[in-house]
């Protein structure tokens, strides 16, 4: 008898879970630092990277003030 191993790739819809906590939870524990496009290490959109209107307004205001100081 000969045992052969098949390589199966995971379907795209398969959820592997958080690589930081090693679990399959459907929520984010907000432990990782999101990359430049707002995705966490697991590849999903990190909720802690999403900015609301007020947060984005504060960031834009601080950028504007810093640009005026540097001139």
PDB file of N, CA and C in Angstrom:
ATOM      1  N   UNK A   1       0.833  -1.164   0.000  1.00  0.00           N
ATOM      2  CA  UNK A   1       0.000   0.000   0.000  1.00  0.00           C
ATOM      3  C   UNK A   1       0.889   1.241   0.000  1.00  0.00           C
ATOM      4  N   UNK A   2       0.535   2.177  -0.843  1.00  0.00           N
ATOM      5  CA  UNK A   2       1.317   3.396  -0.968  1.00  0.00           C
ATOM      6  C   UNK A   2       0.442   4.595  -0.613  1.00  0.00           C
ATOM      7  N   UNK A   3       0.937   5.437   0.263  1.00  0.00           N
ATOM      8  CA  UNK A   3       0.182   6.614   0.684  1.00  0.00           C
ATOM      9  C   UNK A   3       0.723   7.818  -0.062  1.00  0.00           C
ATOM     10  N   UNK A   4      -0.163   8.487  -0.752  1.00  0.00           N
ATOM     11  CA  UNK A   4       0.260   9.705  -1.441  1.00  0.00           C
ATOM     12  C   UNK A   4      -0.433  10.897  -0.789  1.00  0.00           C
ATOM     13  N   UNK A   5       0.292  11.970  -0.711  1.00  0.00           N
ATOM     14  CA  UNK A   5      -0.217  13.153  -0.062  1.00  0.00           C
ATOM     15  C   UNK A   5      -0.700  14.146  -1.119  1.00  0.00           C
ATOM     16  N   UNK A   6      -1.916  14.601  -0.960  1.00  0.00           N
ATOM     17  CA  UNK A   6      -2.449  15.595  -1.883  1.00  0.00           C
ATOM     18  C   UNK A   6      -2.256  16.982  -1.295  1.00  0.00           C
ATOM     19  N   UNK A   7      -1.865  17.887  -2.144  1.00  0.00           N
ATOM     20  CA  UNK A   7      -1.747  19.264  -1.701  1.00  0.00           C
ATOM     21  C   UNK A   7      -3.047  19.975  -2.013  1.00  0.00           C
ATOM     22  N   UNK A   8      -3.694  20.432  -0.988  1.00  0.00           N
ATOM     23  CA  UNK A   8      -4.932  21.176  -1.176  1.00  0.00           C
ATOM     24  C   UNK A   8      -4.691  22.617  -0.750  1.00  0.00           C
ATOM     25  N   UNK A   9      -5.047  23.510  -1.616  1.00  0.00           N
ATOM     26  CA  UNK A   9      -4.943  24.905  -1.218  1.00  0.00           C
ATOM     27  C   UNK A   9      -6.235  25.307  -0.525  1.00  0.00           C
ATOM     28  N   UNK A  10      -6.121  26.242   0.358  1.00  0.00           N
ATOM     29  CA  UNK A  10      -7.292  26.709   1.084  1.00  0.00           C
ATOM     30  C   UNK A  10      -8.119  27.640   0.191  1.00  0.00           C
ATOM     31  N   UNK A  11      -9.423  27.505   0.223  1.00  0.00           N
ATOM     32  CA  UNK A  11     -10.253  28.440  -0.530  1.00  0.00           C
ATOM     33  C   UNK A  11     -10.102  29.863   0.020  1.00  0.00           C
ATOM     34  N   UNK A  12     -10.364  30.851  -0.817  1.00  0.00           N
ATOM     35  CA  UNK A  12     -10.184  32.237  -0.395  1.00  0.00           C
ATOM     36  C   UNK A  12     -11.111  32.614   0.752  1.00  0.00           C
ATOM     37  N   UNK A  13     -12.272  31.982   0.849  1.00  0.00           N
ATOM     38  CA  UNK A  13     -13.225  32.347   1.887  1.00  0.00           C
ATOM     39  C   UNK A  13     -12.900  31.735   3.242  1.00  0.00           C
ATOM     40  N   UNK A  14     -11.898  30.874   3.319  1.00  0.00           N
ATOM     41  CA  UNK A  14     -11.518  30.248   4.581  1.00  0.00           C
ATOM     42  C   UNK A  14     -10.872  31.289   5.485  1.00  0.00           C
ATOM     43  N   UNK A  15     -11.341  31.359   6.703  1.00  0.00           N
ATOM     44  CA  UNK A  15     -10.807  32.311   7.674  1.00  0.00           C
ATOM     45  C   UNK A  15      -9.816  31.596   8.585  1.00  0.00           C
ATOM     46  N   UNK A  16      -8.613  32.107   8.651  1.00  0.00           N
ATOM     47  CA  UNK A  16      -7.569  31.449   9.433  1.00  0.00           C
ATOM     48  C   UNK A  16      -7.407  32.027  10.828  1.00  0.00           C
ATOM     49  N   UNK A  17      -7.977  33.167  11.091  1.00  0.00           N
ATOM     50  CA  UNK A  17      -7.894  33.739  12.424  1.00  0.00           C
ATOM     51  C   UNK A  17      -6.744  34.706  12.585  1.00  0.00           C
ATOM     52  N   UNK A  18      -6.633  35.207  13.778  1.00  0.00           N
ATOM     53  CA  UNK A  18      -5.633  36.216  14.107  1.00  0.00           C
ATOM     54  C   UNK A  18      -4.266  35.553  14.325  1.00  0.00           C
ATOM     55  N   UNK A  19      -3.229  35.965  13.585  1.00  0.00           N
ATOM     56  CA  UNK A  19      -1.909  35.375  13.790  1.00  0.00           C
ATOM     57  C   UNK A  19      -1.255  35.826  15.106  1.00  0.00           C
ATOM     58  N   UNK A  20      -1.754  36.910  15.678  1.00  0.00           N
ATOM     59  CA  UNK A  20      -1.184  37.396  16.934  1.00  0.00           C
ATOM     60  C   UNK A  20      -1.637  36.533  18.122  1.00  0.00           C
ATOM     61  N   UNK A  21      -2.906  36.141  18.143  1.00  0.00           N
ATOM     62  CA  UNK A  21      -3.429  35.378  19.277  1.00  0.00           C
ATOM     63  C   UNK A  21      -3.604  33.897  18.953  1.00  0.00           C
ATOM     64  N   UNK A  22      -3.363  33.518  17.727  1.00  0.00           N
ATOM     65  CA  UNK A  22      -3.451  32.117  17.277  1.00  0.00           C
ATOM     66  C   UNK A  22      -4.832  31.522  17.504  1.00  0.00           C
ATOM     67  N   UNK A  23      -5.871  32.280  17.173  1.00  0.00           N
ATOM     68  CA  UNK A  23      -7.214  31.740  17.334  1.00  0.00           C
ATOM     69  C   UNK A  23      -8.056  32.023  16.101  1.00  0.00           C
ATOM     70  N   UNK A  24      -9.254  31.516  16.086  1.00  0.00           N
ATOM     71  CA  UNK A  24     -10.149  31.661  14.949  1.00  0.00           C
ATOM     72  C   UNK A  24     -11.329  32.579  15.287  1.00  0.00           C
ATOM     73  N   UNK A  25     -11.067  33.594  16.058  1.00  0.00           N
ATOM     74  CA  UNK A  25     -12.150  34.477  16.488  1.00  0.00           C
ATOM     75  C   UNK A  25     -12.619  35.356  15.331  1.00  0.00           C
ATOM     76  N   UNK A  26     -13.902  35.672  15.295  1.00  0.00           N
ATOM     77  CA  UNK A  26     -14.427  36.517  14.226  1.00  0.00           C
ATOM     78  C   UNK A  26     -14.240  38.004  14.502  1.00  0.00           C
ATOM     79  N   UNK A  27     -13.664  38.379  15.636  1.00  0.00           N
ATOM     80  CA  UNK A  27     -13.468  39.790  15.932  1.00  0.00           C
ATOM     81  C   UNK A  27     -11.983  40.091  16.043  1.00  0.00           C
ATOM     82  N   UNK A  28     -11.677  41.341  16.069  1.00  0.00           N
ATOM     83  CA  UNK A  28     -10.285  41.793  16.115  1.00  0.00           C
ATOM     84  C   UNK A  28      -9.922  42.160  17.542  1.00  0.00           C
ATOM     85  N   UNK A  29      -8.758  41.715  18.002  1.00  0.00           N
ATOM     86  CA  UNK A  29      -8.292  42.059  19.336  1.00  0.00           C
ATOM     87  C   UNK A  29      -7.445  43.338  19.346  1.00  0.00           C
ATOM     88  N   UNK A  30      -7.225  43.927  18.193  1.00  0.00           N
ATOM     89  CA  UNK A  30      -6.511  45.208  18.035  1.00  0.00           C
ATOM     90  C   UNK A  30      -5.099  45.161  18.599  1.00  0.00           C
ATOM     91  N   UNK A  31      -4.406  44.071  18.327  1.00  0.00           N
ATOM     92  CA  UNK A  31      -3.051  43.910  18.847  1.00  0.00           C
ATOM     93  C   UNK A  31      -1.985  44.257  17.814  1.00  0.00           C
ATOM     94  N   UNK A  32      -2.313  44.147  16.543  1.00  0.00           N
ATOM     95  CA  UNK A  32      -1.293  44.348  15.513  1.00  0.00           C
ATOM     96  C   UNK A  32      -1.300  45.794  15.018  1.00  0.00           C
ATOM     97  N   UNK A  33      -0.227  46.176  14.396  1.00  0.00           N
ATOM     98  CA  UNK A  33      -0.137  47.498  13.789  1.00  0.00           C
ATOM     99  C   UNK A  33      -0.569  47.363  12.326  1.00  0.00           C
ATOM    100  N   UNK A  34      -1.622  48.059  11.926  1.00  0.00           N
ATOM    101  CA  UNK A  34      -2.094  47.957  10.541  1.00  0.00           C
ATOM    102  C   UNK A  34      -1.058  48.504   9.562  1.00  0.00           C
ATOM    103  N   UNK A  35      -1.044  47.947   8.350  1.00  0.00           N
ATOM    104  CA  UNK A  35      -0.112  48.445   7.342  1.00  0.00           C
ATOM    105  C   UNK A  35      -0.681  49.705   6.685  1.00  0.00           C
ATOM    106  N   UNK A  36      -0.026  50.198   5.641  1.00  0.00           N
ATOM    107  CA  UNK A  36      -0.379  51.490   5.055  1.00  0.00           C
ATOM    108  C   UNK A  36      -1.786  51.547   4.481  1.00  0.00           C
ATOM    109  N   UNK A  37      -2.341  50.421   4.061  1.00  0.00           N
ATOM    110  CA  UNK A  37      -3.693  50.448   3.491  1.00  0.00           C
ATOM    111  C   UNK A  37      -4.765  50.049   4.502  1.00  0.00           C
ATOM    112  N   UNK A  38      -4.412  49.945   5.787  1.00  0.00           N
ATOM    113  CA  UNK A  38      -5.390  49.724   6.837  1.00  0.00           C
ATOM    114  C   UNK A  38      -5.725  48.272   7.113  1.00  0.00           C
ATOM    115  N   UNK A  39      -4.919  47.346   6.612  1.00  0.00           N
ATOM    116  CA  UNK A  39      -5.165  45.929   6.872  1.00  0.00           C
ATOM    117  C   UNK A  39      -4.224  45.430   7.959  1.00  0.00           C
ATOM    118  N   UNK A  40      -4.751  44.513   8.778  1.00  0.00           N
ATOM    119  CA  UNK A  40      -3.953  43.920   9.845  1.00  0.00           C
ATOM    120  C   UNK A  40      -3.134  42.747   9.329  1.00  0.00           C
ATOM    121  N   UNK A  41      -2.457  42.057  10.222  1.00  0.00           N
ATOM    122  CA  UNK A  41      -1.631  40.911   9.837  1.00  0.00           C
ATOM    123  C   UNK A  41      -2.449  39.762   9.270  1.00  0.00           C
ATOM    124  N   UNK A  42      -3.732  39.694   9.653  1.00  0.00           N
ATOM    125  CA  UNK A  42      -4.583  38.607   9.165  1.00  0.00           C
ATOM    126  C   UNK A  42      -5.089  38.877   7.748  1.00  0.00           C
ATOM    127  N   UNK A  43      -4.899  40.084   7.234  1.00  0.00           N
ATOM    128  CA  UNK A  43      -5.332  40.413   5.887  1.00  0.00           C
ATOM    129  C   UNK A  43      -6.682  41.095   5.814  1.00  0.00           C
ATOM    130  N   UNK A  44      -7.370  41.198   6.959  1.00  0.00           N
ATOM    131  CA  UNK A  44      -8.663  41.878   6.974  1.00  0.00           C
ATOM    132  C   UNK A  44      -8.471  43.356   7.311  1.00  0.00           C
ATOM    133  N   UNK A  45      -9.483  44.149   7.017  1.00  0.00           N
ATOM    134  CA  UNK A  45      -9.438  45.557   7.388  1.00  0.00           C
ATOM    135  C   UNK A  45      -9.420  45.648   8.905  1.00  0.00           C
ATOM    136  N   UNK A  46      -8.446  46.355   9.420  1.00  0.00           N
ATOM    137  CA  UNK A  46      -8.298  46.484  10.871  1.00  0.00           C
ATOM    138  C   UNK A  46      -9.221  47.590  11.363  1.00  0.00           C
ATOM    139  N   UNK A  47     -10.166  47.272  12.256  1.00  0.00           N
ATOM    140  CA  UNK A  47     -11.088  48.300  12.722  1.00  0.00           C
ATOM    141  C   UNK A  47     -10.399  49.422  13.492  1.00  0.00           C
ATOM    142  N   UNK A  48      -9.243  49.141  14.070  1.00  0.00           N
ATOM    143  CA  UNK A  48      -8.537  50.182  14.806  1.00  0.00           C
ATOM    144  C   UNK A  48      -7.759  51.113  13.886  1.00  0.00           C
ATOM    145  N   UNK A  49      -7.795  50.878  12.580  1.00  0.00           N
ATOM    146  CA  UNK A  49      -7.155  51.788  11.638  1.00  0.00           C
ATOM    147  C   UNK A  49      -8.153  52.737  10.995  1.00  0.00           C
ATOM    148  N   UNK A  50      -9.448  52.490  11.200  1.00  0.00           N
ATOM    149  CA  UNK A  50     -10.480  53.312  10.582  1.00  0.00           C
ATOM    150  C   UNK A  50     -10.608  54.615  11.361  1.00  0.00           C
ATOM    151  N   UNK A  51     -10.607  55.707  10.640  1.00  0.00           N
ATOM    152  CA  UNK A  51     -10.716  57.020  11.261  1.00  0.00           C
ATOM    153  C   UNK A  51     -12.086  57.612  10.957  1.00  0.00           C
ATOM    154  N   UNK A  52     -12.715  58.187  11.963  1.00  0.00           N
ATOM    155  CA  UNK A  52     -13.982  58.877  11.790  1.00  0.00           C
ATOM    156  C   UNK A  52     -13.752  60.286  11.260  1.00  0.00           C
ATOM    157  N   UNK A  53     -14.823  61.010  11.013  1.00  0.00           N
ATOM    158  CA  UNK A  53     -14.719  62.374  10.487  1.00  0.00           C
ATOM    159  C   UNK A  53     -13.980  63.297  11.443  1.00  0.00           C
ATOM    160  N   UNK A  54     -14.252  63.174  12.724  1.00  0.00           N
ATOM    161  CA  UNK A  54     -13.605  64.053  13.697  1.00  0.00           C
ATOM    162  C   UNK A  54     -12.121  63.734  13.805  1.00  0.00           C
ATOM    163  N   UNK A  55     -11.773  62.441  13.880  1.00  0.00           N
ATOM    164  CA  UNK A  55     -10.360  62.051  13.958  1.00  0.00           C
ATOM    165  C   UNK A  55      -9.605  62.508  12.712  1.00  0.00           C
ATOM    166  N   UNK A  56     -10.203  62.313  11.538  1.00  0.00           N
ATOM    167  CA  UNK A  56      -9.545  62.713  10.302  1.00  0.00           C
ATOM    168  C   UNK A  56      -9.406  64.232  10.230  1.00  0.00           C
ATOM    169  N   UNK A  57     -10.390  64.962  10.735  1.00  0.00           N
ATOM    170  CA  UNK A  57     -10.309  66.421  10.773  1.00  0.00           C
ATOM    171  C   UNK A  57      -9.172  66.906  11.649  1.00  0.00           C
ATOM    172  N   UNK A  58      -8.979  66.257  12.797  1.00  0.00           N
ATOM    173  CA  UNK A  58      -7.876  66.621  13.690  1.00  0.00           C
ATOM    174  C   UNK A  58      -6.539  66.352  13.014  1.00  0.00           C
ATOM    175  N   UNK A  59      -6.413  65.227  12.340  1.00  0.00           N
ATOM    176  CA  UNK A  59      -5.164  64.886  11.641  1.00  0.00           C
ATOM    177  C   UNK A  59      -4.883  65.891  10.537  1.00  0.00           C
ATOM    178  N   UNK A  60      -5.907  66.235   9.750  1.00  0.00           N
ATOM    179  CA  UNK A  60      -5.731  67.214   8.672  1.00  0.00           C
ATOM    180  C   UNK A  60      -5.348  68.588   9.218  1.00  0.00           C
ATOM    181  N   UNK A  61      -5.965  68.979  10.332  1.00  0.00           N
ATOM    182  CA  UNK A  61      -5.660  70.266  10.959  1.00  0.00           C
ATOM    183  C   UNK A  61      -4.207  70.307  11.434  1.00  0.00           C
ATOM    184  N   UNK A  62      -3.742  69.224  12.070  1.00  0.00           N
ATOM    185  CA  UNK A  62      -2.361  69.186  12.550  1.00  0.00           C
ATOM    186  C   UNK A  62      -1.371  69.226  11.391  1.00  0.00           C
ATOM    187  N   UNK A  63      -1.710  68.553  10.280  1.00  0.00           N
ATOM    188  CA  UNK A  63      -0.840  68.607   9.095  1.00  0.00           C
ATOM    189  C   UNK A  63      -0.764  70.031   8.549  1.00  0.00           C
ATOM    190  N   UNK A  64      -1.909  70.702   8.517  1.00  0.00           N
ATOM    191  CA  UNK A  64      -1.974  72.080   8.006  1.00  0.00           C
ATOM    192  C   UNK A  64      -1.140  73.010   8.886  1.00  0.00           C
ATOM    193  N   UNK A  65      -1.244  72.872  10.205  1.00  0.00           N
ATOM    194  CA  UNK A  65      -0.475  73.696  11.130  1.00  0.00           C
ATOM    195  C   UNK A  65       1.024  73.438  10.956  1.00  0.00           C
ATOM    196  N   UNK A  66       1.415  72.181  10.818  1.00  0.00           N
ATOM    197  CA  UNK A  66       2.830  71.830  10.650  1.00  0.00           C
ATOM    198  C   UNK A  66       3.377  72.355   9.329  1.00  0.00           C
ATOM    199  N   UNK A  67       2.574  72.371   8.279  1.00  0.00           N
ATOM    200  CA  UNK A  67       3.021  72.901   6.989  1.00  0.00           C
ATOM    201  C   UNK A  67       3.234  74.405   7.086  1.00  0.00           C
ATOM    202  N   UNK A  68       2.346  75.095   7.802  1.00  0.00           N
ATOM    203  CA  UNK A  68       2.491  76.534   7.965  1.00  0.00           C
ATOM    204  C   UNK A  68       3.715  76.898   8.809  1.00  0.00           C
ATOM    205  N   UNK A  69       4.050  76.072   9.793  1.00  0.00           N
ATOM    206  CA  UNK A  69       5.219  76.315  10.635  1.00  0.00           C
ATOM    207  C   UNK A  69       6.507  76.135   9.861  1.00  0.00           C
ATOM    208  N   UNK A  70       6.514  75.166   8.930  1.00  0.00           N
ATOM    209  CA  UNK A  70       7.731  74.876   8.196  1.00  0.00           C
ATOM    210  C   UNK A  70       8.023  75.901   7.101  1.00  0.00           C
ATOM    211  N   UNK A  71       7.058  76.725   6.752  1.00  0.00           N
ATOM    212  CA  UNK A  71       7.270  77.731   5.684  1.00  0.00           C
ATOM    213  C   UNK A  71       8.005  78.935   6.176  1.00  0.00           C
TER     214      UNK A  71
END
